[in-house]
Amino acid sequence: MLKTLDRYIIGQFLRSLLVVTLAVIVLVVAINLIEKLRDFVDHDVAAKDIALYYLYYSGWAVKSFLPIFVFLAGLFTVGVMARHNEIRATNAGGVSIFRYSLPLLVMSLILGLVHFYYNEYIFPPANKRMIELQEYTIRQRSKRSVINRRNLYRQVSDSVYYVIDLYSVPDRIGRGVKLYQRHKNTLGDFTAATEMRFNKGSWTLYDGSYRKQTDSGETFATFDSLPAPLITDKPDDLERRLGDPTDMSYEELEYYINLMKRTGGPYLSELVELKSKISFPLTSFVVMLLCVPLAARRRQSGMAGALAGAAGLILLYFVSYKVSKSLGSHGIIPPDLAAWGVNGLFFVVGVVMNIVGRK
């Protein structure tokens, strides 16, 4: 059961969170609107499309800045309580800093879980719709790039890979197909075909030729049609657009990484991003650990000094988090350390600050 103090603190926090979120979103939207105003006017974009675009854009702001919203809301909640001597009164009544910070910590943890769910299941489809509005309605670009995929490269295994010059998504037809097989680090069999079609669960090559290496030498032949069992990708695999890894869901990014492993492409940065998809939502809990003792402390410089100190610490936190991810992306530190190291360090700092604050 929630006690009166818990309900009071949670109510104050949620009101502060709502005000902070709306204020920052309005600011971010206003800045973006100024940047894109010329595009809206030049392309005669309808007001409803602009409103819908910024509705989706607000969702991006929530995804990117929710831990900062939580930090500021917690800072204002505890800071106002300290300024009104409510914390001094609770301490006099035998309530420790840990006790009155407990509802804030629980709420920040719940918000972290909600943040993860939002990033995985709500934001990705909304973000794709925002990108479509931006590309095809605001910038009025052609949708041909979605209908046709060019220069697809796929690696089936260490020794088998293929290239498709042009892939038609509606027809599920690949044109200009080249299939390569390596033998002992040298190019072995090579097959080229004009078209590739998916029939009855497998690919078939049409109107092409192949060259095979045998013990007796090299053979060359042409064909009208030829099964291609080595090409194991399904049409859905070729049609899926990879997009920006930072905007993908966990499942989509995991697919992207597996694809890069198969094709021999780089994926270290994406691996760090994958692990950060779990660590970043928990940032709300960590920053709350930091803000409670900072805001509750009565300094000679008053509330302004407390805000300045808290802002400096949170800036250090997020800069360290970005630097850590960058080091991980370049292979300087392990991906797990890049995603979790800063959270772990500041979690320890927050626990120590709360323990010291109890004394």
Protein backbone atom coordinates (compact mmCIF):
# COMPACT_ATOMS: atom_id res chain seq x y z
CA MET A 1 0.00 0.00 0.00
CA LEU A 2 1.26 3.49 -0.85
CA LYS A 3 1.56 5.81 2.10
CA THR A 4 0.62 9.48 2.01
CA LEU A 5 4.26 10.55 1.58
CA ASP A 6 4.72 8.16 -1.36
CA ARG A 7 1.58 9.41 -3.11
CA TYR A 8 2.63 13.01 -2.57
CA ILE A 9 6.15 12.50 -3.97
CA ILE A 10 4.95 10.42 -6.95
CA GLY A 11 2.30 13.03 -7.76
CA GLN A 12 4.85 15.84 -7.62
CA PHE A 13 7.28 13.85 -9.77
CA LEU A 14 4.75 12.93 -12.46
CA ARG A 15 3.57 16.54 -12.73
CA SER A 16 7.16 17.72 -13.04
CA LEU A 17 7.89 15.02 -15.62
CA LEU A 18 4.89 16.07 -17.71
CA VAL A 19 5.88 19.75 -17.63
CA VAL A 20 9.55 19.03 -18.44
CA THR A 21 8.66 16.63 -21.27
CA LEU A 22 6.21 19.02 -22.90
CA ALA A 23 8.59 21.98 -22.51
CA VAL A 24 11.55 20.20 -24.09
CA ILE A 25 9.45 18.69 -26.89
CA VAL A 26 8.00 22.11 -27.75
CA LEU A 27 11.52 23.54 -27.83
CA VAL A 28 12.89 20.74 -30.01
CA VAL A 29 9.91 20.88 -32.38
CA ALA A 30 10.20 24.67 -32.69
CA ILE A 31 13.89 24.39 -33.62
CA ASN A 32 13.19 21.68 -36.18
CA LEU A 33 10.22 23.61 -37.58
CA ILE A 34 12.42 26.63 -38.24
CA GLU A 35 14.92 24.40 -40.08
CA LYS A 36 12.27 22.72 -42.25
CA LEU A 37 9.92 25.66 -42.79
CA ARG A 38 11.31 26.31 -46.26
CA ASP A 39 10.72 22.68 -47.31
CA PHE A 40 7.12 22.88 -46.10
CA VAL A 41 6.48 26.06 -48.06
CA ASP A 42 8.35 25.04 -51.23
CA HIS A 43 6.55 21.70 -51.49
CA ASP A 44 3.17 23.03 -50.35
CA VAL A 45 2.89 20.44 -47.55
CA ALA A 46 -0.58 20.21 -45.99
CA ALA A 47 -1.00 21.31 -42.38
CA LYS A 48 -2.28 17.87 -41.33
CA ASP A 49 0.88 16.22 -42.74
CA ILE A 50 3.07 18.70 -40.87
CA ALA A 51 1.16 18.02 -37.64
CA LEU A 52 1.44 14.27 -38.16
CA TYR A 53 5.15 14.54 -38.89
CA TYR A 54 5.78 16.41 -35.63
CA LEU A 55 3.66 13.95 -33.70
CA TYR A 56 6.06 11.23 -34.81
CA TYR A 57 9.00 13.55 -34.26
CA SER A 58 7.91 14.06 -30.65
CA GLY A 59 8.11 10.29 -30.25
CA TRP A 60 11.74 10.43 -31.37
CA ALA A 61 12.41 13.10 -28.72
CA VAL A 62 10.93 10.87 -26.01
CA LYS A 63 13.05 7.92 -27.16
CA SER A 64 16.24 9.98 -27.18
CA PHE A 65 15.83 12.18 -24.09
CA LEU A 66 13.60 10.36 -21.59
CA PRO A 67 16.44 9.81 -19.04
CA ILE A 68 17.13 13.56 -19.12
CA PHE A 69 13.41 14.26 -18.59
CA VAL A 70 13.41 11.88 -15.61
CA PHE A 71 16.52 13.50 -14.16
CA LEU A 72 15.14 17.03 -14.45
CA ALA A 73 11.76 16.01 -13.03
CA GLY A 74 13.42 14.29 -10.07
CA LEU A 75 15.69 17.29 -9.55
CA PHE A 76 12.78 19.72 -9.49
CA THR A 77 10.68 17.47 -7.24
CA VAL A 78 13.34 17.02 -4.56
CA GLY A 79 14.67 20.55 -4.99
CA VAL A 80 11.27 22.11 -4.35
CA MET A 81 10.80 19.87 -1.32
CA ALA A 82 14.17 20.99 0.01
CA ARG A 83 13.41 24.66 -0.61
CA HIS A 84 10.10 24.37 1.25
CA ASN A 85 11.83 22.60 4.15
CA GLU A 86 9.74 19.50 3.53
CA ILE A 87 12.84 17.31 3.54
CA ARG A 88 13.96 18.80 6.83
CA ALA A 89 10.52 18.02 8.23
CA THR A 90 10.62 14.42 7.00
CA ASN A 91 14.12 13.98 8.45
CA ALA A 92 12.91 15.33 11.77
CA GLY A 93 10.12 12.77 11.64
CA GLY A 94 12.70 9.99 11.30
CA VAL A 95 12.37 9.57 7.52
CA SER A 96 15.77 9.00 5.88
CA ILE A 97 16.88 10.16 2.43
CA PHE A 98 16.57 6.58 1.22
CA ARG A 99 12.95 6.35 2.34
CA TYR A 100 11.66 9.48 0.61
CA SER A 101 13.77 8.74 -2.49
CA LEU A 102 12.38 5.19 -2.71
CA PRO A 103 9.18 6.12 -4.64
CA LEU A 104 11.30 8.15 -7.09
CA LEU A 105 13.67 5.23 -7.63
CA VAL A 106 10.79 2.83 -8.17
CA MET A 107 9.13 5.21 -10.63
CA SER A 108 12.41 5.69 -12.54
CA LEU A 109 12.83 1.92 -12.80
CA ILE A 110 9.27 1.52 -14.07
CA LEU A 111 9.88 4.31 -16.60
CA GLY A 112 13.05 2.53 -17.71
CA LEU A 113 11.06 -0.62 -18.45
CA VAL A 114 8.42 1.42 -20.26
CA HIS A 115 11.21 3.14 -22.20
CA PHE A 116 12.56 -0.23 -23.35
CA TYR A 117 9.11 -1.41 -24.43
CA TYR A 118 8.48 1.87 -26.26
CA ASN A 119 11.83 1.66 -28.09
CA GLU A 120 11.16 -1.91 -29.20
CA TYR A 121 7.49 -2.00 -30.15
CA ILE A 122 6.10 1.52 -30.55
CA PHE A 123 8.90 3.72 -31.86
CA PRO A 124 10.22 1.65 -34.85
CA PRO A 125 6.96 1.57 -36.87
CA ALA A 126 6.19 5.20 -35.97
CA ASN A 127 9.70 6.22 -36.99
CA LYS A 128 9.34 4.47 -40.35
CA ARG A 129 6.13 6.40 -40.95
CA MET A 130 7.91 9.64 -40.04
CA ILE A 131 10.69 8.86 -42.54
CA GLU A 132 8.11 8.11 -45.25
CA LEU A 133 6.42 11.45 -44.58
CA GLN A 134 9.74 13.24 -44.71
CA GLU A 135 10.95 11.57 -47.90
CA TYR A 136 7.79 11.22 -50.00
CA THR A 137 5.46 13.96 -48.72
CA ILE A 138 7.73 16.74 -47.50
CA ARG A 139 10.72 16.29 -49.84
CA GLN A 140 8.51 14.66 -52.51
CA ARG A 141 11.08 12.10 -53.55
CA SER A 142 10.23 9.17 -55.80
CA LYS A 143 9.33 5.81 -54.27
CA ARG A 144 11.35 4.02 -56.94
CA SER A 145 14.17 3.42 -54.47
CA VAL A 146 11.75 1.28 -52.40
CA ILE A 147 10.45 -0.63 -55.41
CA ASN A 148 13.92 -1.47 -56.73
CA ARG A 149 16.96 -2.44 -54.68
CA ARG A 150 20.35 -1.96 -56.33
CA ASN A 151 23.74 -3.56 -55.82
CA LEU A 152 22.79 -6.17 -53.25
CA TYR A 153 25.75 -8.12 -51.86
CA ARG A 154 25.26 -11.27 -49.80
CA GLN A 155 27.67 -13.82 -48.41
CA VAL A 156 26.24 -17.29 -47.81
CA SER A 157 29.38 -18.74 -46.20
CA ASP A 158 33.12 -18.14 -46.08
CA SER A 159 33.45 -19.49 -49.63
CA VAL A 160 30.12 -18.58 -51.29
CA TYR A 161 28.76 -15.12 -52.04
CA TYR A 162 26.65 -13.45 -54.72
CA VAL A 163 25.80 -10.03 -56.14
CA ILE A 164 22.49 -8.78 -57.61
CA ASP A 165 22.66 -5.64 -59.76
CA LEU A 166 18.93 -4.89 -59.48
CA TYR A 167 16.22 -6.53 -57.39
CA SER A 168 12.53 -5.79 -58.07
CA VAL A 169 10.60 -6.02 -54.81
CA PRO A 170 7.06 -6.37 -56.30
CA ASP A 171 8.12 -8.99 -58.86
CA ARG A 172 10.67 -10.71 -56.61
CA ILE A 173 13.05 -10.90 -59.56
CA GLY A 174 16.79 -10.33 -59.40
CA ARG A 175 18.61 -9.10 -62.50
CA GLY A 176 22.31 -9.24 -63.22
CA VAL A 177 23.14 -12.08 -60.82
CA LYS A 178 26.70 -13.24 -60.17
CA LEU A 179 27.42 -16.22 -57.92
CA TYR A 180 30.97 -16.84 -56.71
CA GLN A 181 32.55 -19.87 -55.02
CA ARG A 182 36.07 -19.81 -53.64
CA HIS A 183 38.37 -22.83 -53.43
CA LYS A 184 41.48 -22.62 -51.27
CA ASN A 185 41.53 -18.80 -51.23
CA THR A 186 41.20 -18.56 -55.03
CA LEU A 187 38.16 -17.97 -57.20
CA GLY A 188 36.74 -21.32 -58.24
CA ASP A 189 33.27 -21.74 -59.73
CA PHE A 190 31.54 -18.69 -61.19
CA THR A 191 27.95 -18.42 -62.39
CA ALA A 192 26.33 -15.43 -64.12
CA ALA A 193 22.64 -15.13 -64.97
CA THR A 194 20.36 -12.52 -66.50
CA GLU A 195 17.56 -13.18 -64.01
CA MET A 196 16.86 -14.94 -60.73
CA ARG A 197 13.33 -15.97 -59.69
CA PHE A 198 11.92 -17.54 -56.52
CA ASN A 199 9.85 -20.62 -57.36
CA LYS A 200 8.42 -23.20 -54.93
CA GLY A 201 10.69 -22.30 -52.04
CA SER A 202 13.99 -21.96 -53.93
CA TRP A 203 15.77 -19.72 -56.41
CA THR A 204 16.30 -20.53 -60.08
CA LEU A 205 18.73 -18.76 -62.39
CA TYR A 206 17.77 -18.02 -66.00
CA ASP A 207 19.65 -17.31 -69.23
CA GLY A 208 23.23 -17.51 -68.03
CA SER A 209 26.51 -19.34 -68.02
CA TYR A 210 28.81 -21.04 -65.55
CA ARG A 211 32.47 -21.87 -65.23
CA LYS A 212 33.64 -24.77 -63.08
CA GLN A 213 37.07 -25.79 -61.93
CA THR A 214 37.75 -29.54 -62.05
CA ASP A 215 40.82 -31.73 -61.59
CA SER A 216 41.11 -32.04 -65.37
CA GLY A 217 40.83 -28.30 -65.94
CA GLU A 218 38.14 -25.70 -66.48
CA THR A 219 34.71 -26.28 -68.02
CA PHE A 220 32.35 -23.69 -69.42
CA ALA A 221 28.68 -24.01 -70.36
CA THR A 222 25.52 -21.97 -70.86
CA PHE A 223 22.02 -22.68 -69.53
CA ASP A 224 18.42 -21.57 -69.94
CA SER A 225 17.55 -22.34 -66.32
CA LEU A 226 19.58 -23.62 -63.39
CA PRO A 227 18.58 -24.29 -59.75
CA ALA A 228 20.56 -22.23 -57.23
CA PRO A 229 20.42 -24.13 -53.91
CA LEU A 230 23.48 -22.24 -52.64
CA ILE A 231 21.43 -19.02 -52.42
CA THR A 232 19.64 -19.55 -49.13
CA ASP A 233 18.20 -16.04 -48.63
CA LYS A 234 14.43 -15.75 -48.97
CA PRO A 235 12.69 -12.86 -50.78
CA ASP A 236 11.86 -11.26 -47.42
CA ASP A 237 15.59 -11.17 -46.62
CA LEU A 238 16.34 -9.29 -49.83
CA GLU A 239 13.37 -6.95 -49.47
CA ARG A 240 14.06 -5.90 -45.90
CA ARG A 241 15.54 -2.43 -45.76
CA LEU A 242 18.23 -2.15 -43.12
CA GLY A 243 17.79 1.53 -42.21
CA ASP A 244 19.61 3.31 -39.39
CA PRO A 245 20.77 0.88 -36.67
CA THR A 246 20.00 3.43 -33.93
CA ASP A 247 16.33 3.46 -34.98
CA MET A 248 15.90 -0.31 -35.24
CA SER A 249 14.29 -2.54 -32.67
CA TYR A 250 16.40 -5.12 -30.83
CA GLU A 251 15.21 -7.87 -33.18
CA GLU A 252 15.88 -5.82 -36.32
CA LEU A 253 19.35 -4.84 -35.17
CA GLU A 254 20.17 -8.42 -34.24
CA TYR A 255 19.15 -9.45 -37.78
CA TYR A 256 21.35 -6.67 -39.17
CA ILE A 257 24.37 -7.89 -37.19
CA ASN A 258 23.85 -11.50 -38.28
CA LEU A 259 23.62 -10.31 -41.88
CA MET A 260 26.88 -8.38 -41.55
CA LYS A 261 28.55 -11.47 -40.08
CA ARG A 262 27.43 -13.50 -43.06
CA THR A 263 28.47 -10.90 -45.61
CA GLY A 264 31.77 -10.10 -43.94
CA GLY A 265 30.74 -6.49 -43.31
CA PRO A 266 31.61 -4.42 -40.22
CA TYR A 267 29.22 -4.76 -37.28
CA LEU A 268 31.16 -3.77 -34.15
CA SER A 269 29.40 -0.41 -33.86
CA GLU A 270 26.02 -2.10 -34.28
CA LEU A 271 26.92 -4.70 -31.63
CA VAL A 272 27.60 -1.89 -29.15
CA GLU A 273 24.28 -0.31 -30.13
CA LEU A 274 22.51 -3.65 -29.60
CA LYS A 275 23.81 -3.95 -26.04
CA SER A 276 23.01 -0.29 -25.40
CA LYS A 277 19.37 -0.94 -26.21
CA ILE A 278 19.15 -2.62 -22.81
CA SER A 279 21.56 -0.40 -20.87
CA PHE A 280 20.26 3.00 -22.05
CA PRO A 281 16.67 2.67 -20.72
CA LEU A 282 18.13 1.84 -17.28
CA THR A 283 19.88 5.21 -17.37
CA SER A 284 16.70 6.72 -15.89
CA PHE A 285 17.24 4.71 -12.71
CA VAL A 286 20.94 5.58 -12.48
CA VAL A 287 20.44 9.33 -12.94
CA MET A 288 17.72 9.29 -10.29
CA LEU A 289 20.24 7.85 -7.85
CA LEU A 290 22.44 10.84 -8.60
CA CYS A 291 19.83 13.59 -8.53
CA VAL A 292 18.17 12.86 -5.18
CA PRO A 293 21.18 13.58 -2.88
CA LEU A 294 22.24 16.51 -5.10
CA ALA A 295 18.85 18.23 -5.00
CA ALA A 296 18.27 17.49 -1.30
CA ARG A 297 21.55 19.07 -0.22
CA ARG A 298 21.22 22.60 1.17
CA ARG A 299 24.13 24.56 -0.25
CA GLN A 300 25.14 28.14 0.43
CA SER A 301 24.60 28.97 -3.22
CA GLY A 302 20.97 27.83 -2.90
CA MET A 303 18.84 26.12 -5.52
CA ALA A 304 20.76 27.68 -8.42
CA GLY A 305 24.00 26.17 -7.15
CA ALA A 306 22.40 22.77 -6.71
CA LEU A 307 21.02 22.91 -10.26
CA ALA A 308 24.40 23.92 -11.67
CA GLY A 309 26.18 21.09 -9.85
CA ALA A 310 23.59 18.55 -10.91
CA ALA A 311 23.70 19.75 -14.53
CA GLY A 312 27.49 19.42 -14.55
CA LEU A 313 27.34 15.88 -13.19
CA ILE A 314 24.65 14.74 -15.62
CA LEU A 315 26.54 16.33 -18.51
CA LEU A 316 29.62 14.39 -17.44
CA TYR A 317 27.50 11.24 -17.34
CA PHE A 318 26.13 11.53 -20.86
CA VAL A 319 29.45 12.66 -22.36
CA SER A 320 31.13 9.66 -20.73
CA TYR A 321 28.39 7.38 -22.08
CA LYS A 322 28.87 8.68 -25.63
CA VAL A 323 32.67 8.43 -25.39
CA SER A 324 32.40 4.89 -24.05
CA LYS A 325 30.17 3.83 -26.96
CA SER A 326 32.58 5.44 -29.41
CA LEU A 327 35.53 3.56 -27.89
CA GLY A 328 33.56 0.33 -28.13
CA SER A 329 32.59 1.00 -31.75
CA HIS A 330 36.28 1.37 -32.66
CA GLY A 331 37.28 -1.80 -30.84
CA ILE A 332 39.29 -0.02 -28.14
CA ILE A 333 37.21 -1.49 -25.32
CA PRO A 334 34.90 -4.56 -25.32
CA PRO A 335 31.26 -3.98 -26.39
CA ASP A 336 29.88 -5.02 -22.98
CA LEU A 337 32.13 -2.53 -21.21
CA ALA A 338 31.19 0.17 -23.73
CA ALA A 339 27.46 -0.33 -23.11
CA TRP A 340 27.47 -0.98 -19.36
CA GLY A 341 30.69 0.52 -17.97
CA VAL A 342 29.48 4.10 -17.43
CA ASN A 343 26.15 2.92 -16.00
CA GLY A 344 28.00 0.67 -13.55
CA LEU A 345 30.41 3.43 -12.50
CA PHE A 346 27.75 6.06 -11.90
CA PHE A 347 25.50 3.51 -10.18
CA VAL A 348 28.25 3.00 -7.61
CA VAL A 349 28.71 6.78 -7.31
CA GLY A 350 24.96 7.22 -6.79
CA VAL A 351 24.82 4.53 -4.09
CA VAL A 352 27.75 6.12 -2.24
CA MET A 353 26.15 9.58 -2.45
CA ASN A 354 22.90 8.23 -1.02
CA ILE A 355 24.72 6.43 1.81
CA VAL A 356 26.69 9.57 2.68
CA GLY A 357 23.51 11.64 2.47
CA ARG A 358 21.87 9.52 5.15
CA LYS A 359 24.45 10.52 7.69
